[in-house]
N, C-alpha and C. Protein backbone atom coordinates (compact mmCIF):
# COMPACT_ATOMS: atom_id res chain seq x y z
N MET A 1 6.68 -61.14 96.59
CA MET A 1 6.55 -60.79 95.27
C MET A 1 5.10 -60.60 94.96
N SER A 2 4.65 -59.59 94.19
CA SER A 2 3.38 -59.30 93.93
C SER A 2 2.79 -60.27 92.81
N LYS A 3 1.54 -60.43 92.76
CA LYS A 3 0.86 -61.23 91.63
C LYS A 3 0.94 -60.39 90.43
N PRO A 4 1.03 -60.86 89.19
CA PRO A 4 0.86 -60.11 87.89
C PRO A 4 -0.56 -59.86 87.75
N ILE A 5 -0.79 -58.64 87.18
CA ILE A 5 -2.16 -58.24 86.64
C ILE A 5 -2.56 -59.01 85.54
N THR A 6 -3.77 -59.60 85.55
CA THR A 6 -4.29 -60.37 84.39
C THR A 6 -5.38 -59.61 83.78
N GLY A 7 -5.91 -58.59 84.18
CA GLY A 7 -7.02 -58.05 83.63
C GLY A 7 -7.52 -56.81 84.39
N PHE A 8 -8.40 -55.89 83.60
CA PHE A 8 -8.83 -54.62 84.24
C PHE A 8 -10.38 -54.57 83.92
N GLU A 9 -10.99 -53.92 84.95
CA GLU A 9 -12.43 -53.72 84.80
C GLU A 9 -12.74 -52.22 84.83
N LEU A 10 -13.68 -51.86 84.13
CA LEU A 10 -14.28 -50.49 84.01
C LEU A 10 -15.38 -50.55 85.06
N LEU A 11 -15.49 -49.36 85.86
CA LEU A 11 -16.63 -48.91 86.63
C LEU A 11 -17.61 -48.59 85.79
N GLU A 12 -18.91 -48.63 86.41
CA GLU A 12 -20.03 -48.17 85.67
C GLU A 12 -19.93 -46.69 85.10
N LYS A 13 -19.54 -45.81 85.95
CA LYS A 13 -19.15 -44.34 85.56
C LYS A 13 -18.27 -44.28 84.34
N GLU A 14 -17.18 -45.03 84.35
CA GLU A 14 -16.22 -45.11 83.33
C GLU A 14 -16.71 -45.66 82.08
N VAL A 15 -17.64 -46.63 82.20
CA VAL A 15 -18.28 -47.24 80.92
C VAL A 15 -19.12 -46.19 80.38
N GLU A 16 -19.91 -45.57 81.14
CA GLU A 16 -20.76 -44.46 80.63
C GLU A 16 -20.18 -43.39 79.94
N GLN A 17 -18.90 -42.97 80.48
CA GLN A 17 -18.11 -41.85 79.85
C GLN A 17 -17.52 -42.32 78.65
N ALA A 18 -16.95 -43.49 78.67
CA ALA A 18 -16.31 -43.99 77.42
C ALA A 18 -17.39 -44.18 76.27
N GLU A 19 -18.43 -44.64 76.51
CA GLU A 19 -19.57 -44.91 75.55
C GLU A 19 -20.00 -43.65 75.09
N GLU A 20 -20.12 -42.49 75.94
CA GLU A 20 -20.50 -41.17 75.50
C GLU A 20 -19.44 -40.53 74.53
N PHE A 21 -18.15 -40.78 74.75
CA PHE A 21 -17.12 -40.32 73.99
C PHE A 21 -17.16 -40.95 72.69
N LYS A 22 -17.44 -42.28 72.54
CA LYS A 22 -17.47 -43.08 71.31
C LYS A 22 -18.61 -42.62 70.48
N GLU A 23 -19.76 -42.28 71.01
CA GLU A 23 -21.00 -41.83 70.36
C GLU A 23 -20.86 -40.60 69.89
N LYS A 24 -20.17 -39.76 70.60
CA LYS A 24 -20.25 -38.23 70.26
C LYS A 24 -19.00 -37.86 69.33
N HIS A 25 -17.99 -38.66 69.48
CA HIS A 25 -16.80 -38.23 68.79
C HIS A 25 -16.79 -38.22 67.34
N ARG A 26 -16.24 -37.17 66.77
CA ARG A 26 -15.99 -37.08 65.26
C ARG A 26 -14.50 -36.97 65.08
N CYS A 27 -14.19 -37.73 64.11
CA CYS A 27 -12.78 -37.83 63.78
C CYS A 27 -12.42 -36.54 63.01
N SER A 28 -11.01 -36.01 63.26
CA SER A 28 -10.52 -34.84 62.72
C SER A 28 -10.50 -34.96 61.19
N SER A 29 -10.61 -33.88 60.56
CA SER A 29 -10.61 -34.04 59.03
C SER A 29 -9.23 -34.13 58.46
N LYS A 30 -8.21 -33.81 59.37
CA LYS A 30 -6.83 -34.00 58.98
C LYS A 30 -6.38 -35.45 58.87
N ASN A 31 -7.19 -36.42 59.42
CA ASN A 31 -6.86 -37.72 59.47
C ASN A 31 -7.29 -38.25 58.02
N LYS A 32 -6.18 -38.85 57.37
CA LYS A 32 -6.35 -39.36 56.06
C LYS A 32 -7.31 -40.57 56.04
N LYS A 33 -7.45 -41.28 57.19
CA LYS A 33 -8.39 -42.40 57.28
C LYS A 33 -9.73 -42.09 57.80
N ARG A 34 -10.11 -40.59 57.52
CA ARG A 34 -11.30 -40.28 58.04
C ARG A 34 -12.52 -41.05 57.48
N ASP A 35 -13.42 -41.58 58.43
CA ASP A 35 -14.58 -42.22 57.90
C ASP A 35 -15.86 -41.60 58.60
N VAL A 36 -16.55 -40.81 57.78
CA VAL A 36 -17.60 -40.05 58.45
C VAL A 36 -18.80 -41.05 58.98
N THR A 37 -18.85 -42.23 58.54
CA THR A 37 -19.86 -43.16 59.15
C THR A 37 -19.28 -43.67 60.38
N GLY A 38 -18.11 -43.58 60.69
CA GLY A 38 -17.50 -44.10 62.00
C GLY A 38 -17.25 -45.61 61.99
N ALA A 39 -17.60 -46.20 60.88
CA ALA A 39 -17.48 -47.79 60.83
C ALA A 39 -16.02 -48.28 60.97
N ASN A 40 -15.06 -47.42 60.60
CA ASN A 40 -13.72 -47.83 60.62
C ASN A 40 -12.85 -47.26 61.82
N ARG A 41 -13.60 -46.63 62.73
CA ARG A 41 -12.92 -46.16 63.94
C ARG A 41 -12.50 -47.22 64.71
N ILE A 42 -11.36 -47.22 65.34
CA ILE A 42 -10.91 -48.16 66.40
C ILE A 42 -10.70 -47.56 67.74
N PHE A 43 -11.28 -48.10 68.71
CA PHE A 43 -11.06 -47.35 70.05
C PHE A 43 -10.21 -48.39 70.89
N SER A 44 -9.36 -47.82 71.64
CA SER A 44 -8.49 -48.50 72.52
C SER A 44 -8.52 -48.03 73.85
N TYR A 45 -8.28 -48.79 74.99
CA TYR A 45 -8.24 -48.28 76.33
C TYR A 45 -6.76 -48.30 76.76
N THR A 46 -6.37 -47.50 77.56
CA THR A 46 -5.11 -47.50 78.26
C THR A 46 -5.51 -47.43 79.72
N PHE A 47 -4.85 -48.30 80.59
CA PHE A 47 -4.95 -48.32 81.92
C PHE A 47 -3.62 -47.96 82.51
N THR A 48 -3.63 -46.91 83.46
CA THR A 48 -2.34 -46.39 84.05
C THR A 48 -2.54 -46.79 85.59
N LEU A 49 -1.54 -47.54 86.05
CA LEU A 49 -1.49 -47.92 87.47
C LEU A 49 -0.89 -46.87 88.19
N THR A 50 -1.50 -46.31 89.31
CA THR A 50 -0.88 -45.48 90.13
C THR A 50 -0.84 -46.02 91.61
N GLY A 51 -0.36 -45.27 92.52
CA GLY A 51 -0.38 -45.82 93.89
C GLY A 51 -1.74 -45.88 94.67
N ILE A 52 -2.74 -45.12 94.06
CA ILE A 52 -3.98 -45.01 94.68
C ILE A 52 -5.17 -45.52 93.84
N GLY A 53 -4.84 -45.87 92.62
CA GLY A 53 -6.00 -46.34 91.65
C GLY A 53 -5.49 -46.50 90.23
N VAL A 54 -6.37 -46.79 89.43
CA VAL A 54 -6.07 -47.05 87.93
C VAL A 54 -6.81 -45.88 87.14
N GLY A 55 -5.87 -45.37 86.49
CA GLY A 55 -6.48 -44.31 85.47
C GLY A 55 -6.90 -44.91 84.09
N VAL A 56 -7.92 -44.38 83.53
CA VAL A 56 -8.51 -45.13 82.31
C VAL A 56 -8.64 -44.00 81.24
N THR A 57 -8.14 -44.32 80.16
CA THR A 57 -8.15 -43.35 78.92
C THR A 57 -8.68 -44.18 77.70
N VAL A 58 -9.67 -43.59 77.01
CA VAL A 58 -10.18 -44.32 75.82
C VAL A 58 -9.57 -43.32 74.63
N SER A 59 -9.19 -44.01 73.55
CA SER A 59 -8.39 -43.25 72.45
C SER A 59 -9.08 -43.78 71.19
N CYS A 60 -9.38 -42.84 70.26
CA CYS A 60 -9.76 -43.18 68.92
C CYS A 60 -8.46 -43.42 68.05
N SER A 61 -8.69 -44.14 67.00
CA SER A 61 -7.60 -44.30 65.95
C SER A 61 -7.09 -43.07 65.32
N CYS A 62 -7.93 -41.92 65.41
CA CYS A 62 -7.62 -40.82 64.74
C CYS A 62 -6.48 -39.91 65.76
N GLY A 63 -6.44 -40.40 66.98
CA GLY A 63 -5.53 -39.73 67.90
C GLY A 63 -6.21 -38.93 68.97
N LYS A 64 -7.54 -38.59 68.97
CA LYS A 64 -8.23 -38.01 69.95
C LYS A 64 -8.45 -38.97 71.22
N GLU A 65 -8.46 -38.55 72.47
CA GLU A 65 -8.59 -39.31 73.66
C GLU A 65 -9.28 -38.67 74.79
N LYS A 66 -9.87 -39.40 75.60
CA LYS A 66 -10.59 -38.80 76.78
C LYS A 66 -10.23 -39.60 78.06
N ASN A 67 -9.86 -39.01 79.00
CA ASN A 67 -9.68 -39.54 80.27
C ASN A 67 -11.06 -39.82 81.03
N VAL A 68 -11.29 -41.11 81.20
CA VAL A 68 -12.71 -41.51 81.81
C VAL A 68 -12.53 -41.94 83.23
N THR A 69 -11.44 -41.74 83.75
CA THR A 69 -11.21 -42.18 85.20
C THR A 69 -12.32 -41.74 86.12
N ASP A 70 -12.73 -42.63 86.97
CA ASP A 70 -13.68 -42.32 88.02
C ASP A 70 -12.82 -42.03 89.30
N TYR A 71 -12.43 -40.63 89.43
CA TYR A 71 -11.56 -40.42 90.60
C TYR A 71 -12.20 -40.48 91.87
N ASP A 72 -13.63 -40.43 91.87
CA ASP A 72 -14.48 -40.68 93.10
C ASP A 72 -14.25 -42.02 93.72
N SER A 73 -13.82 -42.95 92.97
CA SER A 73 -13.64 -44.38 93.43
C SER A 73 -12.35 -44.60 94.12
N TRP A 74 -11.53 -43.50 93.97
CA TRP A 74 -10.14 -43.72 94.56
C TRP A 74 -10.21 -43.52 96.01
């Protein structure tokens, strides 16, 4: 039996891409909760386990997302 996964870590390249997305992202004007200051945006991370590595996607509360997976590390 395999051990349960208790946490994930981002690689340096993934952190850089995620931070860039968060800094440059502008929420859609269709979002009723739009906040032009960005103070109320909530970002989440999704980790997808594959047979060869872990995919990483960062998502904004407005629905926009970016895949920041460092495929070079696979």
